Amino acid sequence: TVEDDGPCTADDQCIDDNLCTDDYCHPSFHLCVNEPLDGM
């Protein structure tokens, strides 16, 4: 019943400057996700 804003609220807050990851803010948990782009 209580939800914190968390570490991120927008995708641009999660950019890690790595061409091999897809960077975005998880819409439910408000945590940054840096997903590997295998084969890119």
PDB file of all heavy atoms in Angstrom:
ATOM      1  N   THR A   1       0.820  -1.210   0.000  1.00  0.00           N
ATOM      2  CA  THR A   1       0.000   0.000   0.000  1.00  0.00           C
ATOM      3  C   THR A   1       0.849   1.253   0.000  1.00  0.00           C
ATOM      4  O   THR A   1       0.341   2.352  -0.165  1.00  0.00           O
ATOM      5  CB  THR A   1      -0.909   0.031   1.234  1.00  0.00           C
ATOM      6  OG1 THR A   1      -0.099  -0.053   2.396  1.00  0.00           O
ATOM      7  CG2 THR A   1      -1.881  -1.133   1.206  1.00  0.00           C
ATOM      8  N   VAL A   2       2.164   1.084   0.193  1.00  0.00           N
ATOM      9  CA  VAL A   2       3.065   2.228   0.151  1.00  0.00           C
ATOM     10  C   VAL A   2       4.133   1.936  -0.882  1.00  0.00           C
ATOM     11  O   VAL A   2       4.726   0.869  -0.884  1.00  0.00           O
ATOM     12  CB  VAL A   2       3.716   2.467   1.527  1.00  0.00           C
ATOM     13  CG1 VAL A   2       4.727   3.604   1.447  1.00  0.00           C
ATOM     14  CG2 VAL A   2       2.643   2.767   2.550  1.00  0.00           C
ATOM     15  N   GLU A   3       4.394   2.859  -1.811  1.00  0.00           N
ATOM     16  CA  GLU A   3       5.378   2.636  -2.875  1.00  0.00           C
ATOM     17  C   GLU A   3       6.368   3.776  -2.927  1.00  0.00           C
ATOM     18  O   GLU A   3       5.988   4.940  -3.007  1.00  0.00           O
ATOM     19  CB  GLU A   3       4.676   2.515  -4.222  1.00  0.00           C
ATOM     20  CG  GLU A   3       5.667   2.293  -5.359  1.00  0.00           C
ATOM     21  CD  GLU A   3       4.962   1.956  -6.642  1.00  0.00           C
ATOM     22  OE1 GLU A   3       3.814   1.498  -6.592  1.00  0.00           O
ATOM     23  OE2 GLU A   3       5.569   2.169  -7.685  1.00  0.00           O
ATOM     24  N   ASP A   4       7.648   3.420  -2.887  1.00  0.00           N
ATOM     25  CA  ASP A   4       8.694   4.414  -2.954  1.00  0.00           C
ATOM     26  C   ASP A   4       8.972   4.746  -4.413  1.00  0.00           C
ATOM     27  O   ASP A   4       8.705   3.954  -5.303  1.00  0.00           O
ATOM     28  CB  ASP A   4       9.958   3.851  -2.281  1.00  0.00           C
ATOM     29  CG  ASP A   4      10.982   4.923  -2.055  1.00  0.00           C
ATOM     30  OD1 ASP A   4      10.714   6.074  -2.401  1.00  0.00           O
ATOM     31  OD2 ASP A   4      12.056   4.584  -1.518  1.00  0.00           O
ATOM     32  N   ASP A   5       9.538   5.912  -4.681  1.00  0.00           N
ATOM     33  CA  ASP A   5       9.888   6.287  -6.053  1.00  0.00           C
ATOM     34  C   ASP A   5      11.075   5.487  -6.570  1.00  0.00           C
ATOM     35  O   ASP A   5      11.272   5.374  -7.763  1.00  0.00           O
ATOM     36  CB  ASP A   5      10.221   7.786  -6.124  1.00  0.00           C
ATOM     37  CG  ASP A   5       8.958   8.618  -6.054  1.00  0.00           C
ATOM     38  OD1 ASP A   5       7.893   8.051  -6.296  1.00  0.00           O
ATOM     39  OD2 ASP A   5       9.061   9.818  -5.751  1.00  0.00           O
ATOM     40  N   GLY A   6      11.904   4.908  -5.726  1.00  0.00           N
ATOM     41  CA  GLY A   6      13.007   4.066  -6.132  1.00  0.00           C
ATOM     42  C   GLY A   6      14.166   4.853  -6.715  1.00  0.00           C
ATOM     43  O   GLY A   6      14.142   6.073  -6.814  1.00  0.00           O
ATOM     44  N   PRO A   7      15.238   4.110  -7.196  1.00  0.00           N
ATOM     45  CA  PRO A   7      16.427   4.767  -7.744  1.00  0.00           C
ATOM     46  C   PRO A   7      16.162   5.474  -9.071  1.00  0.00           C
ATOM     47  O   PRO A   7      16.903   6.357  -9.451  1.00  0.00           O
ATOM     48  CB  PRO A   7      17.410   3.609  -7.925  1.00  0.00           C
ATOM     49  CG  PRO A   7      16.910   2.525  -7.023  1.00  0.00           C
ATOM     50  CD  PRO A   7      15.423   2.679  -7.041  1.00  0.00           C
ATOM     51  N   CYS A   8      15.166   5.031  -9.856  1.00  0.00           N
ATOM     52  CA  CYS A   8      14.941   5.639 -11.162  1.00  0.00           C
ATOM     53  C   CYS A   8      13.452   5.802 -11.432  1.00  0.00           C
ATOM     54  O   CYS A   8      12.614   5.077 -10.902  1.00  0.00           O
ATOM     55  CB  CYS A   8      15.585   4.812 -12.270  1.00  0.00           C
ATOM     56  SG  CYS A   8      14.811   3.176 -12.505  1.00  0.00           S
ATOM     57  N   THR A   9      13.172   6.796 -12.242  1.00  0.00           N
ATOM     58  CA  THR A   9      11.795   7.010 -12.695  1.00  0.00           C
ATOM     59  C   THR A   9      11.718   7.143 -14.201  1.00  0.00           C
ATOM     60  O   THR A   9      10.627   7.171 -14.763  1.00  0.00           O
ATOM     61  CB  THR A   9      11.219   8.281 -12.052  1.00  0.00           C
ATOM     62  OG1 THR A   9      12.061   9.400 -12.384  1.00  0.00           O
ATOM     63  CG2 THR A   9      11.121   8.131 -10.539  1.00  0.00           C
ATOM     64  N   ALA A  10      12.883   7.226 -14.901  1.00  0.00           N
ATOM     65  CA  ALA A  10      12.916   7.376 -16.361  1.00  0.00           C
ATOM     66  C   ALA A  10      14.086   6.591 -16.930  1.00  0.00           C
ATOM     67  O   ALA A  10      15.089   6.357 -16.245  1.00  0.00           O
ATOM     68  CB  ALA A  10      13.028   8.849 -16.744  1.00  0.00           C
ATOM     69  N   ASP A  11      13.996   6.171 -18.209  1.00  0.00           N
ATOM     70  CA  ASP A  11      15.026   5.348 -18.841  1.00  0.00           C
ATOM     71  C   ASP A  11      16.365   6.063 -18.930  1.00  0.00           C
ATOM     72  O   ASP A  11      17.425   5.446 -18.794  1.00  0.00           O
ATOM     73  CB  ASP A  11      14.576   4.927 -20.243  1.00  0.00           C
ATOM     74  CG  ASP A  11      13.399   3.962 -20.217  1.00  0.00           C
ATOM     75  OD1 ASP A  11      13.142   3.388 -19.141  1.00  0.00           O
ATOM     76  OD2 ASP A  11      12.742   3.784 -21.261  1.00  0.00           O
ATOM     77  N   ASP A  12      16.341   7.380 -19.162  1.00  0.00           N
ATOM     78  CA  ASP A  12      17.607   8.092 -19.348  1.00  0.00           C
ATOM     79  C   ASP A  12      18.427   8.167 -18.067  1.00  0.00           C
ATOM     80  O   ASP A  12      19.590   8.571 -18.093  1.00  0.00           O
ATOM     81  CB  ASP A  12      17.353   9.490 -19.903  1.00  0.00           C
ATOM     82  CG  ASP A  12      16.450  10.330 -19.009  1.00  0.00           C
ATOM     83  OD1 ASP A  12      16.090   9.859 -17.915  1.00  0.00           O
ATOM     84  OD2 ASP A  12      16.084  11.450 -19.423  1.00  0.00           O
ATOM     85  N   GLN A  13      17.865   7.764 -16.934  1.00  0.00           N
ATOM     86  CA  GLN A  13      18.623   7.719 -15.691  1.00  0.00           C
ATOM     87  C   GLN A  13      19.437   6.442 -15.557  1.00  0.00           C
ATOM     88  O   GLN A  13      20.199   6.290 -14.600  1.00  0.00           O
ATOM     89  CB  GLN A  13      17.672   7.836 -14.492  1.00  0.00           C
ATOM     90  CG  GLN A  13      16.908   9.153 -14.436  1.00  0.00           C
ATOM     91  CD  GLN A  13      15.868   9.175 -13.328  1.00  0.00           C
ATOM     92  OE1 GLN A  13      15.372   8.124 -12.923  1.00  0.00           O
ATOM     93  NE2 GLN A  13      15.538  10.360 -12.847  1.00  0.00           N
ATOM     94  N   CYS A  14      19.280   5.510 -16.512  1.00  0.00           N
ATOM     95  CA  CYS A  14      19.917   4.186 -16.410  1.00  0.00           C
ATOM     96  C   CYS A  14      20.982   3.956 -17.476  1.00  0.00           C
ATOM     97  O   CYS A  14      21.474   2.841 -17.622  1.00  0.00           O
ATOM     98  CB  CYS A  14      18.847   3.097 -16.513  1.00  0.00           C
ATOM     99  SG  CYS A  14      17.606   3.167 -15.197  1.00  0.00           S
ATOM    100  N   ILE A  15      21.343   4.966 -18.253  1.00  0.00           N
ATOM    101  CA  ILE A  15      22.324   4.796 -19.328  1.00  0.00           C
ATOM    102  C   ILE A  15      23.699   4.525 -18.735  1.00  0.00           C
ATOM    103  O   ILE A  15      24.181   5.291 -17.893  1.00  0.00           O
ATOM    104  CB  ILE A  15      22.363   6.052 -20.223  1.00  0.00           C
ATOM    105  CG1 ILE A  15      20.992   6.265 -20.891  1.00  0.00           C
ATOM    106  CG2 ILE A  15      23.465   5.932 -21.264  1.00  0.00           C
ATOM    107  CD1 ILE A  15      20.901   7.531 -21.698  1.00  0.00           C
ATOM    108  N   ASP A  16      24.348   3.415 -19.186  1.00  0.00           N
ATOM    109  CA  ASP A  16      25.663   3.045 -18.656  1.00  0.00           C
ATOM    110  C   ASP A  16      26.780   3.211 -19.681  1.00  0.00           C
ATOM    111  O   ASP A  16      27.905   2.767 -19.457  1.00  0.00           O
ATOM    112  CB  ASP A  16      25.641   1.601 -18.138  1.00  0.00           C
ATOM    113  CG  ASP A  16      25.339   0.599 -19.254  1.00  0.00           C
ATOM    114  OD1 ASP A  16      25.094   1.030 -20.401  1.00  0.00           O
ATOM    115  OD2 ASP A  16      25.341  -0.615 -18.960  1.00  0.00           O
ATOM    116  N   ASP A  17      26.464   3.837 -20.843  1.00  0.00           N
ATOM    117  CA  ASP A  17      27.467   4.095 -21.895  1.00  0.00           C
ATOM    118  C   ASP A  17      28.105   2.814 -22.395  1.00  0.00           C
ATOM    119  O   ASP A  17      29.278   2.792 -22.782  1.00  0.00           O
ATOM    120  CB  ASP A  17      28.553   5.056 -21.377  1.00  0.00           C
ATOM    121  CG  ASP A  17      28.000   6.429 -21.045  1.00  0.00           C
ATOM    122  OD1 ASP A  17      27.079   6.884 -21.754  1.00  0.00           O
ATOM    123  OD2 ASP A  17      28.480   7.044 -20.082  1.00  0.00           O
ATOM    124  N   ASN A  18      27.368   1.711 -22.391  1.00  0.00           N
ATOM    125  CA  ASN A  18      27.845   0.426 -22.913  1.00  0.00           C
ATOM    126  C   ASN A  18      26.996   0.072 -24.121  1.00  0.00           C
ATOM    127  O   ASN A  18      25.780  -0.109 -24.012  1.00  0.00           O
ATOM    128  CB  ASN A  18      27.738  -0.659 -21.843  1.00  0.00           C
ATOM    129  CG  ASN A  18      28.300  -1.991 -22.304  1.00  0.00           C
ATOM    130  OD1 ASN A  18      28.693  -2.152 -23.458  1.00  0.00           O
ATOM    131  ND2 ASN A  18      28.346  -2.962 -21.406  1.00  0.00           N
ATOM    132  N   LEU A  19      27.656  -0.033 -25.302  1.00  0.00           N
ATOM    133  CA  LEU A  19      26.919  -0.345 -26.524  1.00  0.00           C
ATOM    134  C   LEU A  19      26.295  -1.731 -26.494  1.00  0.00           C
ATOM    135  O   LEU A  19      25.416  -2.026 -27.298  1.00  0.00           O
ATOM    136  CB  LEU A  19      27.860  -0.242 -27.738  1.00  0.00           C
ATOM    137  CG  LEU A  19      28.414   1.148 -28.060  1.00  0.00           C
ATOM    138  CD1 LEU A  19      29.387   1.062 -29.226  1.00  0.00           C
ATOM    139  CD2 LEU A  19      27.289   2.119 -28.384  1.00  0.00           C
ATOM    140  N   CYS A  20      26.750  -2.552 -25.562  1.00  0.00           N
ATOM    141  CA  CYS A  20      26.302  -3.943 -25.524  1.00  0.00           C
ATOM    142  C   CYS A  20      25.189  -4.188 -24.508  1.00  0.00           C
ATOM    143  O   CYS A  20      24.924  -5.341 -24.152  1.00  0.00           O
ATOM    144  CB  CYS A  20      27.480  -4.871 -25.238  1.00  0.00           C
ATOM    145  SG  CYS A  20      28.644  -4.988 -26.619  1.00  0.00           S
ATOM    146  N   THR A  21      24.546  -3.140 -24.016  1.00  0.00           N
ATOM    147  CA  THR A  21      23.429  -3.318 -23.092  1.00  0.00           C
ATOM    148  C   THR A  21      22.253  -2.443 -23.510  1.00  0.00           C
ATOM    149  O   THR A  21      22.432  -1.354 -24.056  1.00  0.00           O
ATOM    150  CB  THR A  21      23.813  -2.959 -21.640  1.00  0.00           C
ATOM    151  OG1 THR A  21      24.247  -1.594 -21.593  1.00  0.00           O
ATOM    152  CG2 THR A  21      24.895  -3.876 -21.122  1.00  0.00           C
ATOM    153  N   ASP A  22      21.051  -2.963 -23.237  1.00  0.00           N
ATOM    154  CA  ASP A  22      19.818  -2.208 -23.430  1.00  0.00           C
ATOM    155  C   ASP A  22      19.433  -1.631 -22.068  1.00  0.00           C
ATOM    156  O   ASP A  22      19.121  -2.373 -21.135  1.00  0.00           O
ATOM    157  CB  ASP A  22      18.724  -3.126 -23.977  1.00  0.00           C
ATOM    158  CG  ASP A  22      17.429  -2.381 -24.237  1.00  0.00           C
ATOM    159  OD1 ASP A  22      17.474  -1.141 -24.327  1.00  0.00           O
ATOM    160  OD2 ASP A  22      16.373  -3.035 -24.336  1.00  0.00           O
ATOM    161  N   ASP A  23      19.457  -0.312 -21.928  1.00  0.00           N
ATOM    162  CA  ASP A  23      19.301   0.350 -20.631  1.00  0.00           C
ATOM    163  C   ASP A  23      17.898   0.928 -20.492  1.00  0.00           C
ATOM    164  O   ASP A  23      17.453   1.713 -21.336  1.00  0.00           O
ATOM    165  CB  ASP A  23      20.338   1.469 -20.489  1.00  0.00           C
ATOM    166  CG  ASP A  23      21.745   0.994 -20.816  1.00  0.00           C
ATOM    167  OD1 ASP A  23      22.065  -0.147 -20.470  1.00  0.00           O
ATOM    168  OD2 ASP A  23      22.511   1.773 -21.410  1.00  0.00           O
ATOM    169  N   TYR A  24      17.219   0.561 -19.412  1.00  0.00           N
ATOM    170  CA  TYR A  24      15.898   1.128 -19.166  1.00  0.00           C
ATOM    171  C   TYR A  24      15.546   1.015 -17.679  1.00  0.00           C
ATOM    172  O   TYR A  24      16.165   0.262 -16.924  1.00  0.00           O
ATOM    173  CB  TYR A  24      14.829   0.423 -20.008  1.00  0.00           C
ATOM    174  CG  TYR A  24      14.650  -1.055 -19.723  1.00  0.00           C
ATOM    175  CD1 TYR A  24      13.719  -1.505 -18.791  1.00  0.00           C
ATOM    176  CD2 TYR A  24      15.409  -2.006 -20.409  1.00  0.00           C
ATOM    177  CE1 TYR A  24      13.547  -2.854 -18.541  1.00  0.00           C
ATOM    178  CE2 TYR A  24      15.255  -3.359 -20.162  1.00  0.00           C
ATOM    179  CZ  TYR A  24      14.315  -3.772 -19.235  1.00  0.00           C
ATOM    180  OH  TYR A  24      14.153  -5.118 -18.989  1.00  0.00           O
ATOM    181  N   CYS A  25      14.544   1.784 -17.266  1.00  0.00           N
ATOM    182  CA  CYS A  25      14.056   1.776 -15.886  1.00  0.00           C
ATOM    183  C   CYS A  25      12.859   0.838 -15.797  1.00  0.00           C
ATOM    184  O   CYS A  25      11.883   0.994 -16.542  1.00  0.00           O
ATOM    185  CB  CYS A  25      13.664   3.193 -15.461  1.00  0.00           C
ATOM    186  SG  CYS A  25      13.089   3.311 -13.749  1.00  0.00           S
ATOM    187  N   HIS A  26      12.939  -0.143 -14.904  1.00  0.00           N
ATOM    188  CA  HIS A  26      11.853  -1.111 -14.776  1.00  0.00           C
ATOM    189  C   HIS A  26      10.584  -0.391 -14.317  1.00  0.00           C
ATOM    190  O   HIS A  26      10.580   0.297 -13.288  1.00  0.00           O
ATOM    191  CB  HIS A  26      12.229  -2.195 -13.770  1.00  0.00           C
ATOM    192  CG  HIS A  26      11.352  -3.413 -13.865  1.00  0.00           C
ATOM    193  ND1 HIS A  26      10.072  -3.448 -13.385  1.00  0.00           N
ATOM    194  CD2 HIS A  26      11.588  -4.640 -14.417  1.00  0.00           C
ATOM    195  CE1 HIS A  26       9.541  -4.624 -13.606  1.00  0.00           C
ATOM    196  NE2 HIS A  26      10.443  -5.370 -14.237  1.00  0.00           N
ATOM    197  N   PRO A  27       9.484  -0.532 -15.059  1.00  0.00           N
ATOM    198  CA  PRO A  27       8.274   0.237 -14.747  1.00  0.00           C
ATOM    199  C   PRO A  27       7.608  -0.154 -13.424  1.00  0.00           C
ATOM    200  O   PRO A  27       6.871   0.640 -12.860  1.00  0.00           O
ATOM    201  CB  PRO A  27       7.368  -0.065 -15.941  1.00  0.00           C
ATOM    202  CG  PRO A  27       7.833  -1.377 -16.460  1.00  0.00           C
ATOM    203  CD  PRO A  27       9.322  -1.379 -16.253  1.00  0.00           C
ATOM    204  N   SER A  28       7.846  -1.356 -12.939  1.00  0.00           N
ATOM    205  CA  SER A  28       7.187  -1.804 -11.711  1.00  0.00           C
ATOM    206  C   SER A  28       8.034  -1.570 -10.469  1.00  0.00           C
ATOM    207  O   SER A  28       7.534  -1.130  -9.434  1.00  0.00           O
ATOM    208  CB  SER A  28       6.836  -3.292 -11.810  1.00  0.00           C
ATOM    209  OG  SER A  28       5.923  -3.525 -12.851  1.00  0.00           O
ATOM    210  N   PHE A  29       9.349  -1.856 -10.578  1.00  0.00           N
ATOM    211  CA  PHE A  29      10.208  -1.795  -9.407  1.00  0.00           C
ATOM    212  C   PHE A  29      11.042  -0.523  -9.349  1.00  0.00           C
ATOM    213  O   PHE A  29      11.722  -0.269  -8.370  1.00  0.00           O
ATOM    214  CB  PHE A  29      11.129  -3.017  -9.357  1.00  0.00           C
ATOM    215  CG  PHE A  29      10.381  -4.315  -9.342  1.00  0.00           C
ATOM    216  CD1 PHE A  29      10.370  -5.144 -10.461  1.00  0.00           C
ATOM    217  CD2 PHE A  29       9.670  -4.706  -8.227  1.00  0.00           C
ATOM    218  CE1 PHE A  29       9.662  -6.333 -10.464  1.00  0.00           C
ATOM    219  CE2 PHE A  29       8.973  -5.900  -8.222  1.00  0.00           C
ATOM    220  CZ  PHE A  29       8.953  -6.708  -9.339  1.00  0.00           C
ATOM    221  N   HIS A  30      11.013   0.281 -10.409  1.00  0.00           N
ATOM    222  CA  HIS A  30      11.776   1.526 -10.460  1.00  0.00           C
ATOM    223  C   HIS A  30      13.253   1.281 -10.212  1.00  0.00           C
ATOM    224  O   HIS A  30      13.914   2.030  -9.503  1.00  0.00           O
ATOM    225  CB  HIS A  30      11.218   2.538  -9.459  1.00  0.00           C
ATOM    226  CG  HIS A  30       9.798   2.927  -9.749  1.00  0.00           C
ATOM    227  ND1 HIS A  30       9.451   3.731 -10.807  1.00  0.00           N
ATOM    228  CD2 HIS A  30       8.631   2.594  -9.138  1.00  0.00           C
ATOM    229  CE1 HIS A  30       8.142   3.895 -10.826  1.00  0.00           C
ATOM    230  NE2 HIS A  30       7.614   3.206  -9.835  1.00  0.00           N
ATOM    231  N   LEU A  31      13.766   0.183 -10.773  1.00  0.00           N
ATOM    232  CA  LEU A  31      15.175  -0.146 -10.698  1.00  0.00           C
ATOM    233  C   LEU A  31      15.757  -0.150 -12.101  1.00  0.00           C
ATOM    234  O   LEU A  31      15.085  -0.508 -13.065  1.00  0.00           O
ATOM    235  CB  LEU A  31      15.386  -1.520 -10.050  1.00  0.00           C
ATOM    236  CG  LEU A  31      14.888  -1.681  -8.614  1.00  0.00           C
ATOM    237  CD1 LEU A  31      15.059  -3.110  -8.154  1.00  0.00           C
ATOM    238  CD2 LEU A  31      15.650  -0.728  -7.689  1.00  0.00           C
ATOM    239  N   CYS A  32      17.032   0.241 -12.248  1.00  0.00           N
ATOM    240  CA  CYS A  32      17.686   0.264 -13.553  1.00  0.00           C
ATOM    241  C   CYS A  32      17.983  -1.158 -14.030  1.00  0.00           C
ATOM    242  O   CYS A  32      18.441  -2.008 -13.257  1.00  0.00           O
ATOM    243  CB  CYS A  32      18.989   1.063 -13.491  1.00  0.00           C
ATOM    244  SG  CYS A  32      18.728   2.849 -13.420  1.00  0.00           S
ATOM    245  N   VAL A  33      17.735  -1.410 -15.294  1.00  0.00           N
ATOM    246  CA  VAL A  33      18.028  -2.692 -15.928  1.00  0.00           C
ATOM    247  C   VAL A  33      18.979  -2.433 -17.088  1.00  0.00           C
ATOM    248  O   VAL A  33      18.723  -1.563 -17.919  1.00  0.00           O
ATOM    249  CB  VAL A  33      16.742  -3.376 -16.440  1.00  0.00           C
ATOM    250  CG1 VAL A  33      17.083  -4.696 -17.126  1.00  0.00           C
ATOM    251  CG2 VAL A  33      15.774  -3.621 -15.292  1.00  0.00           C
ATOM    252  N   ASN A  34      20.093  -3.165 -17.125  1.00  0.00           N
ATOM    253  CA  ASN A  34      21.067  -3.083 -18.211  1.00  0.00           C
ATOM    254  C   ASN A  34      21.183  -4.470 -18.821  1.00  0.00           C
ATOM    255  O   ASN A  34      22.006  -5.284 -18.415  1.00  0.00           O
ATOM    256  CB  ASN A  34      22.421  -2.588 -17.690  1.00  0.00           C
ATOM    257  CG  ASN A  34      22.305  -1.270 -16.945  1.00  0.00           C
ATOM    258  OD1 ASN A  34      22.423  -1.235 -15.730  1.00  0.00           O
ATOM    259  ND2 ASN A  34      22.061  -0.189 -17.661  1.00  0.00           N
ATOM    260  N   GLU A  35      20.338  -4.736 -19.803  1.00  0.00           N
ATOM    261  CA  GLU A  35      20.205  -6.079 -20.374  1.00  0.00           C
ATOM    262  C   GLU A  35      21.209  -6.293 -21.502  1.00  0.00           C
ATOM    263  O   GLU A  35      21.281  -5.502 -22.446  1.00  0.00           O
ATOM    264  CB  GLU A  35      18.786  -6.255 -20.908  1.00  0.00           C
ATOM    265  CG  GLU A  35      18.502  -7.643 -21.441  1.00  0.00           C
ATOM    266  CD  GLU A  35      17.050  -7.791 -21.859  1.00  0.00           C
ATOM    267  OE1 GLU A  35      16.255  -6.878 -21.575  1.00  0.00           O
ATOM    268  OE2 GLU A  35      16.724  -8.805 -22.476  1.00  0.00           O
ATOM    269  N   PRO A  36      22.050  -7.375 -21.453  1.00  0.00           N
ATOM    270  CA  PRO A  36      23.045  -7.633 -22.501  1.00  0.00           C
ATOM    271  C   PRO A  36      22.386  -7.845 -23.867  1.00  0.00           C
ATOM    272  O   PRO A  36      21.324  -8.465 -23.966  1.00  0.00           O
ATOM    273  CB  PRO A  36      23.749  -8.911 -22.019  1.00  0.00           C
ATOM    274  CG  PRO A  36      23.496  -8.950 -20.545  1.00  0.00           C
ATOM    275  CD  PRO A  36      22.133  -8.353 -20.357  1.00  0.00           C
ATOM    276  N   LEU A  37      23.045  -7.330 -24.920  1.00  0.00           N
ATOM    277  CA  LEU A  37      22.570  -7.480 -26.300  1.00  0.00           C
ATOM    278  C   LEU A  37      23.502  -8.446 -27.009  1.00  0.00           C
ATOM    279  O   LEU A  37      24.395  -8.043 -27.763  1.00  0.00           O
ATOM    280  CB  LEU A  37      22.546  -6.114 -26.999  1.00  0.00           C
ATOM    281  CG  LEU A  37      21.587  -5.069 -26.401  1.00  0.00           C
ATOM    282  CD1 LEU A  37      21.779  -3.731 -27.082  1.00  0.00           C
ATOM    283  CD2 LEU A  37      20.145  -5.539 -26.520  1.00  0.00           C
ATOM    284  N   ASP A  38      23.328  -9.725 -26.767  1.00  0.00           N
ATOM    285  CA  ASP A  38      24.201 -10.752 -27.329  1.00  0.00           C
ATOM    286  C   ASP A  38      24.113 -10.753 -28.850  1.00  0.00           C
ATOM    287  O   ASP A  38      23.022 -10.829 -29.425  1.00  0.00           O
ATOM    288  CB  ASP A  38      23.802 -12.123 -26.771  1.00  0.00           C
ATOM    289  CG  ASP A  38      24.788 -13.209 -27.158  1.00  0.00           C
ATOM    290  OD1 ASP A  38      25.921 -12.868 -27.551  1.00  0.00           O
ATOM    291  OD2 ASP A  38      24.436 -14.402 -27.056  1.00  0.00           O
ATOM    292  N   GLY A  39      25.288 -10.677 -29.524  1.00  0.00           N
ATOM    293  CA  GLY A  39      25.334 -10.707 -30.984  1.00  0.00           C
ATOM    294  C   GLY A  39      25.240  -9.356 -31.657  1.00  0.00           C
ATOM    295  O   GLY A  39      25.381  -9.254 -32.874  1.00  0.00           O
ATOM    296  N   MET A  40      25.040  -8.290 -30.891  1.00  0.00           N
ATOM    297  CA  MET A  40      24.929  -6.935 -31.457  1.00  0.00           C
ATOM    298  C   MET A  40      26.296  -6.458 -31.945  1.00  0.00           C
ATOM    299  O   MET A  40      27.321  -6.756 -31.361  1.00  0.00           O
ATOM    300  CB  MET A  40      24.367  -5.979 -30.410  1.00  0.00           C
ATOM    301  CG  MET A  40      24.259  -4.539 -30.863  1.00  0.00           C
ATOM    302  SD  MET A  40      22.955  -4.304 -32.098  1.00  0.00           S
ATOM    303  CE  MET A  40      21.492  -4.508 -31.066  1.00  0.00           C
TER     304      MET A  40
END
